[in-house]
Amino acid sequence: MIEAAHDFFAEKGYNDTNIREIAEAAGVSERTFYRYFETKDELLFPNLRTVISELLENLRNVAEGTSVMDAIEVAVKGTNLSQLPRIGELRAMAIGLNAGMVVVDVVRLIFEFELQFATEIERRLATTNSYLSELDRSTYALVLSRFIFGVFRSTMNVREDIDELDQRNLPPVQEHMMRVFRLMDPSLPPLT
């Protein structure tokens, strides 16, 4: 269904593609389509959504009392990043589609992820760094969440720009992300 949708999106455009034709091209009924997807929006970047959900779930599953930085590291290392679309593929799809719709969908996805991730970080900070005021915890959690996602995007962009032969010598994506992430001071100074 994802392949059929992407073919139609490229050929007809996102807005002019309907679920019925996606289902027919994939050899399934519309009912089957809705068993897997709520809307055609979900077909744009399904693997990106899966990886983000896995990362968030991994963070939620880290043992209570674990420092925020260590919890994030455990979550990142436990996430299967091999499912991610390559940045070039995302760019190509955005160019081939109604760019406005794609940008809105990706921005919404990123914003939702950042807020959910920040909520979990803030919850953890309330336990491990109780000296922080609620305002400081909220601010720090959102900044940290946006930093994490920025590290993620930057890591993927930089790695894609490296020749394929040289990529064999790169550390795993998770390790690369954590090296960049650890550049941030792992201790939280009192902000209040």
C-alpha atoms as a PDB file:
ATOM      1  CA  MET A   1       0.000   0.000   0.000  1.00  0.00           C
ATOM      2  CA  ILE A   2       2.850   2.372   0.796  1.00  0.00           C
ATOM      3  CA  GLU A   3       4.518   1.726  -2.570  1.00  0.00           C
ATOM      4  CA  ALA A   4       1.235   2.137  -4.442  1.00  0.00           C
ATOM      5  CA  ALA A   5       0.529   5.381  -2.593  1.00  0.00           C
ATOM      6  CA  HIS A   6       3.985   6.775  -3.346  1.00  0.00           C
ATOM      7  CA  ASP A   7       3.572   5.907  -7.035  1.00  0.00           C
ATOM      8  CA  PHE A   8       0.249   7.757  -7.141  1.00  0.00           C
ATOM      9  CA  PHE A   9       1.612  10.690  -5.128  1.00  0.00           C
ATOM     10  CA  ALA A  10       4.470  11.086  -7.625  1.00  0.00           C
ATOM     11  CA  GLU A  11       2.213  10.622 -10.668  1.00  0.00           C
ATOM     12  CA  LYS A  12      -0.949  12.510  -9.672  1.00  0.00           C
ATOM     13  CA  GLY A  13       0.063  14.484  -6.643  1.00  0.00           C
ATOM     14  CA  TYR A  14      -0.866  13.954  -3.026  1.00  0.00           C
ATOM     15  CA  ASN A  15      -4.150  15.877  -3.104  1.00  0.00           C
ATOM     16  CA  ASP A  16      -5.462  14.120  -6.214  1.00  0.00           C
ATOM     17  CA  THR A  17      -4.790  10.613  -4.894  1.00  0.00           C
ATOM     18  CA  ASN A  18      -7.591   8.847  -3.056  1.00  0.00           C
ATOM     19  CA  ILE A  19      -7.633   5.853  -0.749  1.00  0.00           C
ATOM     20  CA  ARG A  20      -9.820   3.760  -3.058  1.00  0.00           C
ATOM     21  CA  GLU A  21      -7.257   3.807  -5.871  1.00  0.00           C
ATOM     22  CA  ILE A  22      -4.383   3.120  -3.457  1.00  0.00           C
ATOM     23  CA  ALA A  23      -6.225   0.083  -2.093  1.00  0.00           C
ATOM     24  CA  GLU A  24      -7.095  -1.183  -5.601  1.00  0.00           C
ATOM     25  CA  ALA A  25      -3.502  -0.807  -6.817  1.00  0.00           C
ATOM     26  CA  ALA A  26      -2.259  -2.669  -3.751  1.00  0.00           C
ATOM     27  CA  GLY A  27      -4.816  -5.470  -4.296  1.00  0.00           C
ATOM     28  CA  VAL A  28      -6.688  -4.878  -1.038  1.00  0.00           C
ATOM     29  CA  SER A  29     -10.077  -3.513  -0.055  1.00  0.00           C
ATOM     30  CA  GLU A  30     -10.593  -0.065   1.447  1.00  0.00           C
ATOM     31  CA  ARG A  31     -11.571  -1.850   4.642  1.00  0.00           C
ATOM     32  CA  THR A  32      -8.167  -3.554   4.734  1.00  0.00           C
ATOM     33  CA  PHE A  33      -6.499  -0.205   4.105  1.00  0.00           C
ATOM     34  CA  TYR A  34      -8.198   1.244   7.188  1.00  0.00           C
ATOM     35  CA  ARG A  35      -7.015  -1.680   9.286  1.00  0.00           C
ATOM     36  CA  TYR A  36      -3.459  -0.433   8.806  1.00  0.00           C
ATOM     37  CA  PHE A  37      -3.828   3.314   8.283  1.00  0.00           C
ATOM     38  CA  GLU A  38      -6.316   5.910   9.492  1.00  0.00           C
ATOM     39  CA  THR A  39      -5.609   8.369   6.672  1.00  0.00           C
ATOM     40  CA  LYS A  40      -3.453   8.669   3.583  1.00  0.00           C
ATOM     41  CA  ASP A  41      -1.272  11.124   5.551  1.00  0.00           C
ATOM     42  CA  GLU A  42       0.150   8.132   7.392  1.00  0.00           C
ATOM     43  CA  LEU A  43       1.515   6.787   4.105  1.00  0.00           C
ATOM     44  CA  LEU A  44       3.840   9.732   3.601  1.00  0.00           C
ATOM     45  CA  PHE A  45       6.537   8.772   6.094  1.00  0.00           C
ATOM     46  CA  PRO A  46       5.404   5.590   7.869  1.00  0.00           C
ATOM     47  CA  ASN A  47       8.872   4.450   8.912  1.00  0.00           C
ATOM     48  CA  LEU A  48       9.694   7.850  10.363  1.00  0.00           C
ATOM     49  CA  ARG A  49       6.592   7.627  12.542  1.00  0.00           C
ATOM     50  CA  THR A  50       7.517   4.083  13.598  1.00  0.00           C
ATOM     51  CA  VAL A  51      11.049   5.040  14.643  1.00  0.00           C
ATOM     52  CA  ILE A  52       9.889   8.114  16.554  1.00  0.00           C
ATOM     53  CA  SER A  53       7.249   6.070  18.376  1.00  0.00           C
ATOM     54  CA  GLU A  54       9.834   3.406  19.219  1.00  0.00           C
ATOM     55  CA  LEU A  55      12.263   6.014  20.560  1.00  0.00           C
ATOM     56  CA  LEU A  56       9.577   7.549  22.770  1.00  0.00           C
ATOM     57  CA  GLU A  57       8.442   4.140  24.023  1.00  0.00           C
ATOM     58  CA  ASN A  58      12.042   3.175  24.779  1.00  0.00           C
ATOM     59  CA  LEU A  59      12.489   6.343  26.844  1.00  0.00           C
ATOM     60  CA  ARG A  60       9.309   5.616  28.783  1.00  0.00           C
ATOM     61  CA  ASN A  61      10.561   2.107  29.545  1.00  0.00           C
ATOM     62  CA  VAL A  62      13.917   3.139  31.028  1.00  0.00           C
ATOM     63  CA  ALA A  63      14.080   2.420  34.764  1.00  0.00           C
ATOM     64  CA  GLU A  64      12.834   5.171  37.032  1.00  0.00           C
ATOM     65  CA  GLY A  65      15.566   7.098  38.798  1.00  0.00           C
ATOM     66  CA  THR A  66      17.929   6.833  35.812  1.00  0.00           C
ATOM     67  CA  SER A  67      19.444  10.226  35.015  1.00  0.00           C
ATOM     68  CA  VAL A  68      17.862  11.996  32.067  1.00  0.00           C
ATOM     69  CA  MET A  69      21.008  11.830  29.941  1.00  0.00           C
ATOM     70  CA  ASP A  70      21.492   8.123  30.644  1.00  0.00           C
ATOM     71  CA  ALA A  71      17.808   7.409  29.969  1.00  0.00           C
ATOM     72  CA  ILE A  72      18.030   9.170  26.614  1.00  0.00           C
ATOM     73  CA  GLU A  73      21.159   7.205  25.723  1.00  0.00           C
ATOM     74  CA  VAL A  74      19.442   3.900  26.558  1.00  0.00           C
ATOM     75  CA  ALA A  75      16.410   4.931  24.483  1.00  0.00           C
ATOM     76  CA  VAL A  76      18.491   5.971  21.451  1.00  0.00           C
ATOM     77  CA  LYS A  77      20.678   2.850  21.551  1.00  0.00           C
ATOM     78  CA  GLY A  78      17.582   0.640  21.752  1.00  0.00           C
ATOM     79  CA  THR A  79      15.864   2.195  18.751  1.00  0.00           C
ATOM     80  CA  ASN A  80      16.067   0.532  15.347  1.00  0.00           C
ATOM     81  CA  LEU A  81      17.203   3.402  13.149  1.00  0.00           C
ATOM     82  CA  SER A  82      17.703   1.184  10.090  1.00  0.00           C
ATOM     83  CA  GLN A  83      14.010   1.654   9.208  1.00  0.00           C
ATOM     84  CA  LEU A  84      14.464   5.367   8.665  1.00  0.00           C
ATOM     85  CA  PRO A  85      14.056   6.758   5.182  1.00  0.00           C
ATOM     86  CA  ARG A  86      17.181   8.422   3.901  1.00  0.00           C
ATOM     87  CA  ILE A  87      17.128  12.222   3.977  1.00  0.00           C
ATOM     88  CA  GLY A  88      17.465  12.302   0.177  1.00  0.00           C
ATOM     89  CA  GLU A  89      14.367  10.123  -0.170  1.00  0.00           C
ATOM     90  CA  LEU A  90      12.415  12.470   2.085  1.00  0.00           C
ATOM     91  CA  ARG A  91      13.564  15.468   0.051  1.00  0.00           C
ATOM     92  CA  ALA A  92      12.683  13.762  -3.241  1.00  0.00           C
ATOM     93  CA  MET A  93       9.224  12.880  -2.012  1.00  0.00           C
ATOM     94  CA  ALA A  94       8.651  16.406  -0.746  1.00  0.00           C
ATOM     95  CA  ILE A  95       9.646  17.810  -4.141  1.00  0.00           C
ATOM     96  CA  GLY A  96       7.449  15.299  -5.985  1.00  0.00           C
ATOM     97  CA  LEU A  97       4.406  15.995  -3.840  1.00  0.00           C
ATOM     98  CA  ASN A  98       2.454  19.068  -2.980  1.00  0.00           C
ATOM     99  CA  ALA A  99       5.287  20.461  -0.891  1.00  0.00           C
ATOM    100  CA  GLY A 100       2.979  22.442   1.379  1.00  0.00           C
ATOM    101  CA  MET A 101       1.124  19.339   2.540  1.00  0.00           C
ATOM    102  CA  VAL A 102       4.337  17.408   3.077  1.00  0.00           C
ATOM    103  CA  VAL A 103       5.911  20.195   5.087  1.00  0.00           C
ATOM    104  CA  VAL A 104       2.793  20.521   7.254  1.00  0.00           C
ATOM    105  CA  ASP A 105       2.748  16.769   7.906  1.00  0.00           C
ATOM    106  CA  VAL A 106       6.445  16.577   8.791  1.00  0.00           C
ATOM    107  CA  VAL A 107       6.324  19.683  10.981  1.00  0.00           C
ATOM    108  CA  ARG A 108       3.264  18.307  12.805  1.00  0.00           C
ATOM    109  CA  LEU A 109       5.018  14.975  13.318  1.00  0.00           C
ATOM    110  CA  ILE A 110       8.175  16.650  14.642  1.00  0.00           C
ATOM    111  CA  PHE A 111       6.206  19.005  16.891  1.00  0.00           C
ATOM    112  CA  GLU A 112       4.128  16.158  18.352  1.00  0.00           C
ATOM    113  CA  PHE A 113       7.270  14.101  18.963  1.00  0.00           C
ATOM    114  CA  GLU A 114       9.105  16.975  20.616  1.00  0.00           C
ATOM    115  CA  LEU A 115       6.198  17.683  22.962  1.00  0.00           C
ATOM    116  CA  GLN A 116       5.728  14.026  23.914  1.00  0.00           C
ATOM    117  CA  PHE A 117       9.447  13.567  24.439  1.00  0.00           C
ATOM    118  CA  ALA A 118       9.648  16.796  26.465  1.00  0.00           C
ATOM    119  CA  THR A 119       6.766  15.630  28.656  1.00  0.00           C
ATOM    120  CA  GLU A 120       8.615  12.415  29.471  1.00  0.00           C
ATOM    121  CA  ILE A 121      11.889  14.262  30.104  1.00  0.00           C
ATOM    122  CA  GLU A 122      10.096  16.733  32.372  1.00  0.00           C
ATOM    123  CA  ARG A 123       8.503  13.876  34.317  1.00  0.00           C
ATOM    124  CA  ARG A 124      11.936  12.337  34.832  1.00  0.00           C
ATOM    125  CA  LEU A 125      13.469  15.679  35.839  1.00  0.00           C
ATOM    126  CA  ALA A 126      10.833  16.103  38.531  1.00  0.00           C
ATOM    127  CA  THR A 127      12.172  12.915  40.128  1.00  0.00           C
ATOM    128  CA  THR A 128      15.897  13.158  39.490  1.00  0.00           C
ATOM    129  CA  ASN A 129      16.359  16.948  39.669  1.00  0.00           C
ATOM    130  CA  SER A 130      13.645  18.071  42.067  1.00  0.00           C
ATOM    131  CA  TYR A 131      15.555  21.262  42.906  1.00  0.00           C
ATOM    132  CA  LEU A 132      14.495  22.718  39.543  1.00  0.00           C
ATOM    133  CA  SER A 133      11.399  24.896  39.487  1.00  0.00           C
ATOM    134  CA  GLU A 134       8.476  23.762  37.343  1.00  0.00           C
ATOM    135  CA  LEU A 135       9.209  26.550  34.845  1.00  0.00           C
ATOM    136  CA  ASP A 136      12.873  25.540  34.568  1.00  0.00           C
ATOM    137  CA  ARG A 137      11.990  21.825  34.229  1.00  0.00           C
ATOM    138  CA  SER A 138       9.491  22.580  31.463  1.00  0.00           C
ATOM    139  CA  THR A 139      11.894  24.850  29.611  1.00  0.00           C
ATOM    140  CA  TYR A 140      14.872  22.523  29.987  1.00  0.00           C
ATOM    141  CA  ALA A 141      12.794  19.510  28.891  1.00  0.00           C
ATOM    142  CA  LEU A 142      11.603  21.227  25.718  1.00  0.00           C
ATOM    143  CA  VAL A 143      15.063  22.563  24.865  1.00  0.00           C
ATOM    144  CA  LEU A 144      16.574  19.136  25.444  1.00  0.00           C
ATOM    145  CA  SER A 145      13.890  17.457  23.340  1.00  0.00           C
ATOM    146  CA  ARG A 146      14.468  19.869  20.457  1.00  0.00           C
ATOM    147  CA  PHE A 147      18.220  19.427  20.817  1.00  0.00           C
ATOM    148  CA  ILE A 148      17.830  15.643  20.596  1.00  0.00           C
ATOM    149  CA  PHE A 149      15.755  15.887  17.449  1.00  0.00           C
ATOM    150  CA  GLY A 150      18.211  18.415  15.998  1.00  0.00           C
ATOM    151  CA  VAL A 151      21.105  16.036  16.699  1.00  0.00           C
ATOM    152  CA  PHE A 152      19.138  13.269  15.043  1.00  0.00           C
ATOM    153  CA  ARG A 153      18.410  15.279  11.857  1.00  0.00           C
ATOM    154  CA  SER A 154      21.939  16.669  11.683  1.00  0.00           C
ATOM    155  CA  THR A 155      23.500  13.241  12.155  1.00  0.00           C
ATOM    156  CA  MET A 156      21.393  11.780   9.359  1.00  0.00           C
ATOM    157  CA  ASN A 157      22.143  14.714   7.013  1.00  0.00           C
ATOM    158  CA  VAL A 158      25.894  14.616   7.570  1.00  0.00           C
ATOM    159  CA  ARG A 159      26.102  10.847   7.196  1.00  0.00           C
ATOM    160  CA  GLU A 160      24.197  10.918   3.928  1.00  0.00           C
ATOM    161  CA  ASP A 161      26.622  13.422   2.437  1.00  0.00           C
ATOM    162  CA  ILE A 162      29.563  11.039   2.987  1.00  0.00           C
ATOM    163  CA  ASP A 163      30.567   8.720   0.149  1.00  0.00           C
ATOM    164  CA  GLU A 164      29.227   5.171   0.425  1.00  0.00           C
ATOM    165  CA  LEU A 165      32.731   3.725   0.705  1.00  0.00           C
ATOM    166  CA  ASP A 166      33.577   6.014   3.591  1.00  0.00           C
ATOM    167  CA  GLN A 167      30.295   5.193   5.365  1.00  0.00           C
ATOM    168  CA  ARG A 168      31.572   1.702   6.138  1.00  0.00           C
ATOM    169  CA  ASN A 169      34.044   3.270   8.576  1.00  0.00           C
ATOM    170  CA  LEU A 170      31.435   5.331  10.412  1.00  0.00           C
ATOM    171  CA  PRO A 171      30.249   4.366  13.884  1.00  0.00           C
ATOM    172  CA  PRO A 172      26.648   3.138  14.145  1.00  0.00           C
ATOM    173  CA  VAL A 173      24.096   5.966  13.928  1.00  0.00           C
ATOM    174  CA  GLN A 174      23.118   5.553  17.576  1.00  0.00           C
ATOM    175  CA  GLU A 175      26.735   5.869  18.725  1.00  0.00           C
ATOM    176  CA  HIS A 176      27.321   8.860  16.456  1.00  0.00           C
ATOM    177  CA  MET A 177      24.208  10.586  17.814  1.00  0.00           C
ATOM    178  CA  MET A 178      25.215   9.955  21.411  1.00  0.00           C
ATOM    179  CA  ARG A 179      28.736  11.293  20.843  1.00  0.00           C
ATOM    180  CA  VAL A 180      27.235  14.555  19.580  1.00  0.00           C
ATOM    181  CA  PHE A 181      24.587  14.545  22.285  1.00  0.00           C
ATOM    182  CA  ARG A 182      27.183  14.054  25.036  1.00  0.00           C
ATOM    183  CA  LEU A 183      28.821  17.319  23.985  1.00  0.00           C
ATOM    184  CA  MET A 184      26.098  18.887  26.085  1.00  0.00           C
ATOM    185  CA  ASP A 185      27.076  19.063  29.737  1.00  0.00           C
ATOM    186  CA  PRO A 186      25.532  15.964  31.318  1.00  0.00           C
ATOM    187  CA  SER A 187      25.074  17.640  34.701  1.00  0.00           C
ATOM    188  CA  LEU A 188      22.199  20.022  35.309  1.00  0.00           C
ATOM    189  CA  PRO A 189      23.278  23.139  37.175  1.00  0.00           C
ATOM    190  CA  PRO A 190      20.662  24.663  39.457  1.00  0.00           C
ATOM    191  CA  LEU A 191      18.764  27.106  37.261  1.00  0.00           C
ATOM    192  CA  THR A 192      16.769  28.740  40.034  1.00  0.00           C
END
